Amino acid sequence: MGKPVPPRLSFLLASEAPVGLIFRRGRSKLVQLIRWDREHDNFVYGSRFRGRIYVERSDISPDGRHFIYFAMGGLAWAIPETGGTWTAISRVTEVPGFAAATLWASRPWNGDGMFTSNRSYWVDIDSTTTCLRDESKLRRIPYRPKQSRHERDGWTITEAGIEKPLIRGWVLRRTEHGYHLAQPKRGSAFAHPAWEWADWDRTRLVWAEGGRLCTVSNLARGELRGLRVLHDFNDPPT
């Protein structure tokens, strides 16, 4: 038997509350939604979905109370009215789920969503999009925000990729070759090709690697000191 393949992990972090959502995709092509209490590093496993969630086209509200996601489920698993692809807004509950308070039948070329405040959002719709339900009580703005989600969250778009300033002159970069920690003034850069996701969580660096969520207590001369595994997602509860 071969070596077990770790799950793929994707993240959405609220900017004004210590709340995060984790999308765990395993070999069975099931996506499980997990609520992350970033204050106490507690993790609550929620609903599962057979299909694909496009997290890069999704978002969480600043207060962590709602999230918007773009999904493709295939005809056997789709919400029938959507024809297989849709955009939804769901509430972030204690045990998280994908239940749609607001729902559009989208097409693969549109449907991206982004919050502009705790009470308003933008979603990419056109004449092929149909609103099937609207019970979120949030306001949809009709125009595309000037900033992308990455720019709003403190990332700068460069020719090589995107980057975010950290502390003490450190910069986190994401390129097509993976993540790097760099200190431009010193001309130093340290590659971390095994990281599948990384970001700055208030006062700490966090990243996902090999199905685990990790953090460090100190950044010094490129060394990740005080490494700690916050959670191992390789063996989820049944």
Protein backbone atom coordinates (compact mmCIF):
# COMPACT_ATOMS: atom_id res chain seq x y z
CA MET A 1 0.00 0.00 0.00
CA GLY A 2 1.19 3.50 -0.82
CA LYS A 3 1.71 6.34 1.55
CA PRO A 4 -1.57 7.96 2.66
CA VAL A 5 -2.39 11.14 0.77
CA PRO A 6 -3.04 14.06 3.13
CA PRO A 7 -6.27 16.03 2.70
CA ARG A 8 -6.24 19.34 0.89
CA LEU A 9 -7.05 22.29 3.13
CA SER A 10 -8.43 25.70 2.16
CA PHE A 11 -9.19 28.59 4.51
CA LEU A 12 -11.30 31.73 4.93
CA LEU A 13 -10.40 34.05 7.84
CA ALA A 14 -12.73 36.74 9.17
CA SER A 15 -10.94 40.10 9.53
CA GLU A 16 -12.86 41.49 12.53
CA ALA A 17 -13.50 38.34 14.57
CA PRO A 18 -11.36 35.31 15.54
CA VAL A 19 -13.38 33.02 13.30
CA GLY A 20 -12.22 30.92 10.39
CA LEU A 21 -13.67 28.33 8.04
CA ILE A 22 -11.66 25.37 6.81
CA PHE A 23 -12.61 23.31 3.77
CA ARG A 24 -11.15 19.82 4.06
CA ARG A 25 -11.11 17.84 0.81
CA GLY A 26 -10.24 14.15 1.10
CA ARG A 27 -9.62 11.32 -1.34
CA SER A 28 -13.33 10.49 -1.46
CA LYS A 29 -13.95 13.94 -3.06
CA LEU A 30 -16.00 14.94 -0.05
CA VAL A 31 -15.51 18.48 1.20
CA GLN A 32 -16.04 18.89 4.94
CA LEU A 33 -16.66 22.30 6.46
CA ILE A 34 -14.85 23.03 9.75
CA ARG A 35 -15.30 26.04 12.04
CA TRP A 36 -12.06 27.36 13.55
CA ASP A 37 -12.22 29.33 16.80
CA ARG A 38 -8.95 31.23 16.34
CA GLU A 39 -9.02 32.61 19.87
CA HIS A 40 -8.80 29.18 21.52
CA ASP A 41 -7.82 27.07 18.48
CA ASN A 42 -10.87 24.84 18.76
CA PHE A 43 -12.19 23.07 15.66
CA VAL A 44 -15.78 21.94 15.05
CA TYR A 45 -16.41 19.56 12.15
CA GLY A 46 -19.61 20.29 10.25
CA SER A 47 -21.40 19.32 7.04
CA ARG A 48 -19.94 17.36 4.15
CA PHE A 49 -20.47 18.08 0.49
CA ARG A 50 -19.77 15.81 -2.47
CA GLY A 51 -18.46 18.03 -5.21
CA ARG A 52 -16.17 21.02 -5.39
CA ILE A 53 -16.09 24.29 -3.46
CA TYR A 54 -14.06 27.03 -5.16
CA VAL A 55 -12.64 28.72 -2.07
CA GLU A 56 -10.65 31.24 -4.13
CA ARG A 57 -14.01 32.46 -5.45
CA SER A 58 -15.61 32.54 -1.99
CA ASP A 59 -15.47 34.81 1.07
CA ILE A 60 -16.38 35.23 4.75
CA SER A 61 -17.89 38.38 6.27
CA PRO A 62 -15.63 40.52 8.49
CA ASP A 63 -17.60 39.54 11.61
CA GLY A 64 -17.46 35.85 10.70
CA ARG A 65 -21.24 35.41 10.71
CA HIS A 66 -21.83 34.65 7.02
CA PHE A 67 -19.91 33.13 4.13
CA ILE A 68 -20.48 33.13 0.42
CA TYR A 69 -19.28 30.24 -1.73
CA PHE A 70 -19.27 29.04 -5.32
CA ALA A 71 -19.94 25.33 -5.76
CA MET A 72 -20.09 22.69 -8.46
CA GLY A 73 -21.78 19.45 -7.55
CA GLY A 74 -22.48 17.58 -10.74
CA LEU A 75 -25.99 16.62 -11.75
CA ALA A 76 -26.27 13.74 -9.28
CA TRP A 77 -25.43 15.96 -6.31
CA ALA A 78 -26.54 19.42 -7.35
CA ILE A 79 -29.41 21.38 -5.92
CA PRO A 80 -31.70 20.43 -8.83
CA GLU A 81 -32.85 23.97 -9.73
CA THR A 82 -29.27 25.16 -10.25
CA GLY A 83 -28.28 22.73 -12.99
CA GLY A 84 -25.02 21.88 -11.21
CA THR A 85 -23.27 25.16 -10.35
CA TRP A 86 -24.38 27.76 -7.85
CA THR A 87 -23.44 30.58 -5.51
CA ALA A 88 -24.83 30.63 -1.99
CA ILE A 89 -24.70 32.68 1.19
CA SER A 90 -24.84 30.65 4.41
CA ARG A 91 -24.75 31.53 8.07
CA VAL A 92 -21.70 30.48 10.08
CA THR A 93 -23.26 28.46 12.88
CA GLU A 94 -21.64 26.68 15.80
CA VAL A 95 -21.72 23.46 13.78
CA PRO A 96 -21.10 24.84 10.28
CA GLY A 97 -23.05 23.80 7.22
CA PHE A 98 -23.70 24.67 3.59
CA ALA A 99 -27.44 25.46 3.92
CA ALA A 100 -28.17 28.37 1.58
CA ALA A 101 -30.01 31.41 2.94
CA THR A 102 -29.48 33.09 -0.44
CA LEU A 103 -29.01 31.06 -3.60
CA TRP A 104 -28.25 31.76 -7.26
CA ALA A 105 -28.08 29.36 -10.16
CA SER A 106 -24.72 30.50 -11.56
CA ARG A 107 -22.61 29.42 -14.49
CA PRO A 108 -18.93 28.35 -14.39
CA TRP A 109 -17.79 31.69 -15.84
CA ASN A 110 -19.41 33.82 -13.11
CA GLY A 111 -20.71 33.45 -9.54
CA ASP A 112 -17.67 34.77 -7.64
CA GLY A 113 -18.66 36.48 -4.37
CA MET A 114 -17.10 38.93 -1.91
CA PHE A 115 -18.25 40.81 1.19
CA THR A 116 -17.95 44.60 1.21
CA SER A 117 -19.10 44.91 4.85
CA ASN A 118 -20.86 42.81 7.47
CA ARG A 119 -24.21 43.64 5.86
CA SER A 120 -23.37 43.93 2.17
CA TYR A 121 -21.74 41.87 -0.56
CA TRP A 122 -21.05 41.70 -4.27
CA VAL A 123 -21.61 38.68 -6.49
CA ASP A 124 -20.66 38.36 -10.16
CA ILE A 125 -23.93 37.79 -12.00
CA ASP A 126 -25.14 38.29 -15.56
CA SER A 127 -28.21 37.52 -17.66
CA THR A 128 -27.61 33.77 -17.24
CA THR A 129 -27.81 33.98 -13.42
CA THR A 130 -31.08 33.23 -11.62
CA CYS A 131 -31.81 34.13 -8.00
CA LEU A 132 -33.65 31.14 -6.50
CA ARG A 133 -33.78 32.28 -2.88
CA ASP A 134 -32.92 35.44 -0.93
CA GLU A 135 -33.36 35.08 2.83
CA SER A 136 -29.98 36.27 4.15
CA LYS A 137 -31.24 39.85 4.78
CA LEU A 138 -27.93 41.15 3.40
CA ARG A 139 -27.66 43.84 0.73
CA ARG A 140 -26.20 43.04 -2.67
CA ILE A 141 -24.28 45.88 -4.30
CA PRO A 142 -24.48 45.91 -8.12
CA TYR A 143 -20.94 47.06 -8.90
CA ARG A 144 -17.63 45.22 -8.67
CA PRO A 145 -15.50 46.41 -5.70
CA LYS A 146 -12.40 48.40 -6.62
CA GLN A 147 -10.21 46.08 -4.56
CA SER A 148 -9.93 42.33 -5.03
CA ARG A 149 -10.37 40.08 -2.02
CA HIS A 150 -6.59 39.69 -1.71
CA GLU A 151 -6.03 43.45 -1.80
CA ARG A 152 -8.76 44.04 0.77
CA ASP A 153 -7.10 41.50 3.07
CA GLY A 154 -3.71 43.22 2.96
CA TRP A 155 -2.01 41.44 0.05
CA THR A 156 -0.26 43.31 -2.73
CA ILE A 157 -0.48 41.95 -6.26
CA THR A 158 2.92 41.82 -7.99
CA GLU A 159 4.20 40.45 -11.30
CA ALA A 160 5.44 37.32 -9.54
CA GLY A 161 2.34 36.71 -7.42
CA ILE A 162 1.04 38.29 -4.22
CA GLU A 163 2.73 39.31 -0.98
CA LYS A 164 1.79 40.53 2.51
CA PRO A 165 3.97 42.41 5.04
CA LEU A 166 4.33 40.66 8.40
CA ILE A 167 6.51 41.95 11.27
CA ARG A 168 10.16 43.00 11.64
CA GLY A 169 10.59 43.45 7.90
CA TRP A 170 9.31 39.98 7.00
CA VAL A 171 7.14 39.48 3.92
CA LEU A 172 5.03 36.46 3.05
CA ARG A 173 4.96 35.77 -0.70
CA ARG A 174 2.90 33.40 -2.77
CA THR A 175 4.03 32.66 -6.31
CA GLU A 176 3.31 29.91 -8.82
CA HIS A 177 6.21 28.03 -7.20
CA GLY A 178 4.75 28.13 -3.68
CA TYR A 179 5.25 30.23 -0.57
CA HIS A 180 8.33 32.17 0.53
CA LEU A 181 9.31 34.08 3.64
CA ALA A 182 11.50 37.02 2.70
CA GLN A 183 13.27 40.03 4.14
CA PRO A 184 13.73 42.30 1.12
CA LYS A 185 15.99 44.79 2.91
CA ARG A 186 18.40 42.00 3.78
CA GLY A 187 18.06 40.31 0.41
CA SER A 188 17.07 37.00 1.98
CA ALA A 189 14.28 34.62 1.04
CA PHE A 190 13.35 31.15 2.31
CA ALA A 191 11.22 28.84 0.18
CA HIS A 192 8.51 26.66 1.68
CA PRO A 193 7.23 24.60 -1.26
CA ALA A 194 5.33 22.16 0.98
CA TRP A 195 3.00 24.88 2.28
CA GLU A 196 -0.38 24.71 0.56
CA TRP A 197 -1.74 27.79 2.34
CA ALA A 198 -0.28 30.47 4.64
CA ASP A 199 -1.38 33.76 6.15
CA TRP A 200 -0.88 36.13 9.06
CA ASP A 201 -3.41 35.55 11.85
CA ARG A 202 -3.39 38.72 14.02
CA THR A 203 -0.06 38.10 15.84
CA ARG A 204 1.19 34.86 14.33
CA LEU A 205 2.09 33.11 11.11
CA VAL A 206 -0.13 30.13 10.30
CA TRP A 207 0.14 27.64 7.46
CA ALA A 208 -1.10 24.26 6.24
CA GLU A 209 1.29 21.46 5.34
CA GLY A 210 0.72 17.73 4.93
CA GLY A 211 -2.83 17.95 6.25
CA ARG A 212 -1.82 19.82 9.41
CA LEU A 213 -2.36 23.40 10.50
CA CYS A 214 0.81 24.87 12.06
CA THR A 215 2.08 28.06 13.68
CA VAL A 216 5.30 29.43 15.15
CA SER A 217 5.92 31.64 18.17
CA ASN A 218 8.86 33.52 16.64
CA LEU A 219 10.34 34.50 13.29
CA ALA A 220 14.10 34.86 13.49
CA ARG A 221 16.68 34.82 10.69
CA GLY A 222 14.46 32.62 8.55
CA GLU A 223 14.08 30.00 11.26
CA LEU A 224 10.59 28.97 12.32
CA ARG A 225 11.09 28.81 16.06
CA GLY A 226 8.59 27.29 18.44
CA LEU A 227 6.72 25.35 15.77
CA ARG A 228 3.39 24.04 17.02
CA VAL A 229 0.75 21.91 15.31
CA LEU A 230 -2.63 23.47 15.98
CA HIS A 231 -4.57 20.57 14.50
CA ASP A 232 -4.00 17.44 12.41
CA PHE A 233 -6.74 16.99 9.81
CA ASN A 234 -5.46 13.67 8.45
CA ASP A 235 -7.82 11.65 10.65
CA PRO A 236 -11.14 13.49 10.98
CA PRO A 237 -13.82 12.24 13.37
CA THR A 238 -16.25 9.76 11.86
